[in-house]
Amino acid sequence: MNLRLTDSESDALRAKAEQEGRSMQEVARTAIAQYVTERPQRLLSAIHRVRTEDAELLQRLSK
């Protein structure tokens, strides 16, 4: 797999890797793993937020 980054994305990744004393590959792989594992929880949180904030509207739409 090849990952093509824009110059600004590459610069940001390089800076983060240097800041943490890790390789760019390690930082990118960690970020991908975090995104993949946290995505379901973020989705559930978003659904809960919509249910809570728009409860009245959802109730009216269900009729």
N, C-alpha and C. Protein backbone atom coordinates (compact mmCIF):
# COMPACT_ATOMS: atom_id res chain seq x y z
N MET A 1 0.83 -1.17 0.00
CA MET A 1 0.00 0.00 0.00
C MET A 1 0.88 1.24 0.00
N ASN A 2 0.53 2.20 -0.81
CA ASN A 2 1.21 3.49 -0.81
C ASN A 2 0.25 4.54 -0.30
N LEU A 3 0.75 5.39 0.56
CA LEU A 3 -0.05 6.47 1.11
C LEU A 3 0.51 7.78 0.57
N ARG A 4 -0.30 8.47 -0.19
CA ARG A 4 0.14 9.74 -0.77
C ARG A 4 -0.39 10.89 0.07
N LEU A 5 0.51 11.67 0.60
CA LEU A 5 0.16 12.81 1.43
C LEU A 5 0.47 14.11 0.69
N THR A 6 -0.29 15.14 1.04
CA THR A 6 0.05 16.45 0.52
C THR A 6 1.33 16.91 1.22
N ASP A 7 1.94 17.94 0.68
CA ASP A 7 3.15 18.47 1.31
C ASP A 7 2.88 18.90 2.75
N SER A 8 1.75 19.55 2.99
CA SER A 8 1.45 20.02 4.34
C SER A 8 1.17 18.85 5.29
N GLU A 9 0.52 17.79 4.79
CA GLU A 9 0.29 16.61 5.62
C GLU A 9 1.60 15.93 5.95
N SER A 10 2.47 15.82 4.98
CA SER A 10 3.77 15.20 5.19
C SER A 10 4.62 16.01 6.18
N ASP A 11 4.57 17.32 6.04
CA ASP A 11 5.31 18.20 6.96
C ASP A 11 4.78 18.05 8.39
N ALA A 12 3.47 18.00 8.54
CA ALA A 12 2.86 17.86 9.87
C ALA A 12 3.22 16.51 10.48
N LEU A 13 3.18 15.46 9.67
CA LEU A 13 3.53 14.13 10.16
C LEU A 13 5.00 14.07 10.56
N ARG A 14 5.86 14.66 9.75
CA ARG A 14 7.29 14.69 10.05
C ARG A 14 7.54 15.44 11.37
N ALA A 15 6.88 16.58 11.53
CA ALA A 15 7.07 17.38 12.75
C ALA A 15 6.60 16.61 13.98
N LYS A 16 5.46 15.94 13.88
CA LYS A 16 4.93 15.16 15.00
C LYS A 16 5.87 14.01 15.34
N ALA A 17 6.38 13.33 14.32
CA ALA A 17 7.31 12.23 14.55
C ALA A 17 8.59 12.71 15.23
N GLU A 18 9.11 13.82 14.77
CA GLU A 18 10.32 14.38 15.38
C GLU A 18 10.06 14.79 16.82
N GLN A 19 8.90 15.40 17.06
CA GLN A 19 8.53 15.85 18.40
C GLN A 19 8.45 14.66 19.37
N GLU A 20 7.94 13.53 18.88
CA GLU A 20 7.77 12.35 19.73
C GLU A 20 8.95 11.39 19.69
N GLY A 21 9.94 11.69 18.84
CA GLY A 21 11.10 10.82 18.74
C GLY A 21 10.77 9.46 18.13
N ARG A 22 9.82 9.46 17.21
CA ARG A 22 9.39 8.22 16.55
C ARG A 22 9.48 8.41 15.04
N SER A 23 9.33 7.32 14.31
CA SER A 23 9.35 7.41 12.86
C SER A 23 8.00 7.90 12.34
N MET A 24 8.00 8.44 11.15
CA MET A 24 6.76 8.87 10.53
C MET A 24 5.81 7.69 10.36
N GLN A 25 6.37 6.54 9.98
CA GLN A 25 5.55 5.34 9.79
C GLN A 25 4.88 4.94 11.10
N GLU A 26 5.62 4.97 12.18
CA GLU A 26 5.06 4.58 13.47
C GLU A 26 3.94 5.53 13.90
N VAL A 27 4.13 6.81 13.70
CA VAL A 27 3.10 7.79 14.06
C VAL A 27 1.85 7.58 13.20
N ALA A 28 2.04 7.36 11.91
CA ALA A 28 0.90 7.15 11.01
C ALA A 28 0.15 5.87 11.36
N ARG A 29 0.88 4.79 11.62
CA ARG A 29 0.22 3.52 11.97
C ARG A 29 -0.54 3.63 13.28
N THR A 30 0.01 4.34 14.24
CA THR A 30 -0.67 4.55 15.52
C THR A 30 -1.96 5.35 15.31
N ALA A 31 -1.88 6.38 14.49
CA ALA A 31 -3.05 7.20 14.21
C ALA A 31 -4.15 6.40 13.51
N ILE A 32 -3.76 5.57 12.58
CA ILE A 32 -4.74 4.73 11.86
C ILE A 32 -5.39 3.75 12.83
N ALA A 33 -4.59 3.09 13.66
CA ALA A 33 -5.13 2.14 14.63
C ALA A 33 -6.09 2.82 15.59
N GLN A 34 -5.74 4.00 16.04
CA GLN A 34 -6.60 4.75 16.95
C GLN A 34 -7.91 5.12 16.26
N TYR A 35 -7.85 5.57 15.03
CA TYR A 35 -9.04 5.95 14.28
C TYR A 35 -9.97 4.75 14.10
N VAL A 36 -9.40 3.63 13.73
CA VAL A 36 -10.20 2.43 13.46
C VAL A 36 -10.87 1.92 14.74
N THR A 37 -10.17 1.94 15.84
CA THR A 37 -10.74 1.40 17.08
C THR A 37 -11.70 2.36 17.75
N GLU A 38 -11.51 3.65 17.59
CA GLU A 38 -12.39 4.63 18.25
C GLU A 38 -13.59 5.02 17.41
N ARG A 39 -13.59 4.70 16.13
CA ARG A 39 -14.68 5.13 15.25
C ARG A 39 -16.05 4.63 15.71
N PRO A 40 -16.21 3.36 16.08
CA PRO A 40 -17.53 2.91 16.54
C PRO A 40 -18.03 3.70 17.75
N GLN A 41 -17.13 4.01 18.68
CA GLN A 41 -17.55 4.77 19.86
C GLN A 41 -17.95 6.19 19.48
N ARG A 42 -17.23 6.82 18.55
CA ARG A 42 -17.59 8.17 18.11
C ARG A 42 -18.95 8.15 17.44
N LEU A 43 -19.24 7.10 16.67
CA LEU A 43 -20.53 6.99 16.01
C LEU A 43 -21.65 6.85 17.04
N LEU A 44 -21.46 5.99 18.03
CA LEU A 44 -22.47 5.83 19.08
C LEU A 44 -22.68 7.13 19.85
N SER A 45 -21.62 7.85 20.11
CA SER A 45 -21.73 9.14 20.80
C SER A 45 -22.52 10.14 19.98
N ALA A 46 -22.28 10.16 18.67
CA ALA A 46 -23.00 11.07 17.78
C ALA A 46 -24.49 10.72 17.74
N ILE A 47 -24.80 9.43 17.68
CA ILE A 47 -26.20 9.01 17.67
C ILE A 47 -26.87 9.41 18.97
N HIS A 48 -26.21 9.20 20.09
CA HIS A 48 -26.77 9.58 21.39
C HIS A 48 -27.01 11.09 21.46
N ARG A 49 -26.06 11.87 20.94
CA ARG A 49 -26.20 13.32 20.96
C ARG A 49 -27.40 13.76 20.15
N VAL A 50 -27.60 13.18 18.97
CA VAL A 50 -28.76 13.53 18.13
C VAL A 50 -30.05 13.13 18.83
N ARG A 51 -30.08 11.93 19.40
CA ARG A 51 -31.27 11.49 20.13
C ARG A 51 -31.62 12.44 21.25
N THR A 52 -30.62 12.89 21.97
CA THR A 52 -30.84 13.77 23.11
C THR A 52 -31.22 15.18 22.67
N GLU A 53 -30.43 15.77 21.80
CA GLU A 53 -30.65 17.16 21.41
C GLU A 53 -31.89 17.33 20.53
N ASP A 54 -32.22 16.33 19.75
CA ASP A 54 -33.35 16.44 18.82
C ASP A 54 -34.51 15.52 19.20
N ALA A 55 -34.63 15.19 20.48
CA ALA A 55 -35.66 14.25 20.93
C ALA A 55 -37.06 14.73 20.54
N GLU A 56 -37.34 16.00 20.75
CA GLU A 56 -38.67 16.53 20.44
C GLU A 56 -38.96 16.42 18.93
N LEU A 57 -38.03 16.80 18.12
CA LEU A 57 -38.20 16.72 16.67
C LEU A 57 -38.38 15.27 16.22
N LEU A 58 -37.57 14.37 16.75
CA LEU A 58 -37.70 12.97 16.38
C LEU A 58 -39.06 12.40 16.80
N GLN A 59 -39.54 12.83 17.94
CA GLN A 59 -40.87 12.39 18.39
C GLN A 59 -41.95 12.87 17.44
N ARG A 60 -41.88 14.14 17.02
CA ARG A 60 -42.88 14.67 16.09
C ARG A 60 -42.80 13.97 14.74
N LEU A 61 -41.61 13.65 14.27
CA LEU A 61 -41.44 12.99 12.99
C LEU A 61 -41.96 11.55 13.01
N SER A 62 -41.94 10.93 14.17
CA SER A 62 -42.36 9.55 14.26
C SER A 62 -43.89 9.38 14.19
N LYS A 63 -44.60 10.48 14.31
CA LYS A 63 -46.08 10.41 14.28
C LYS A 63 -46.62 10.50 12.88
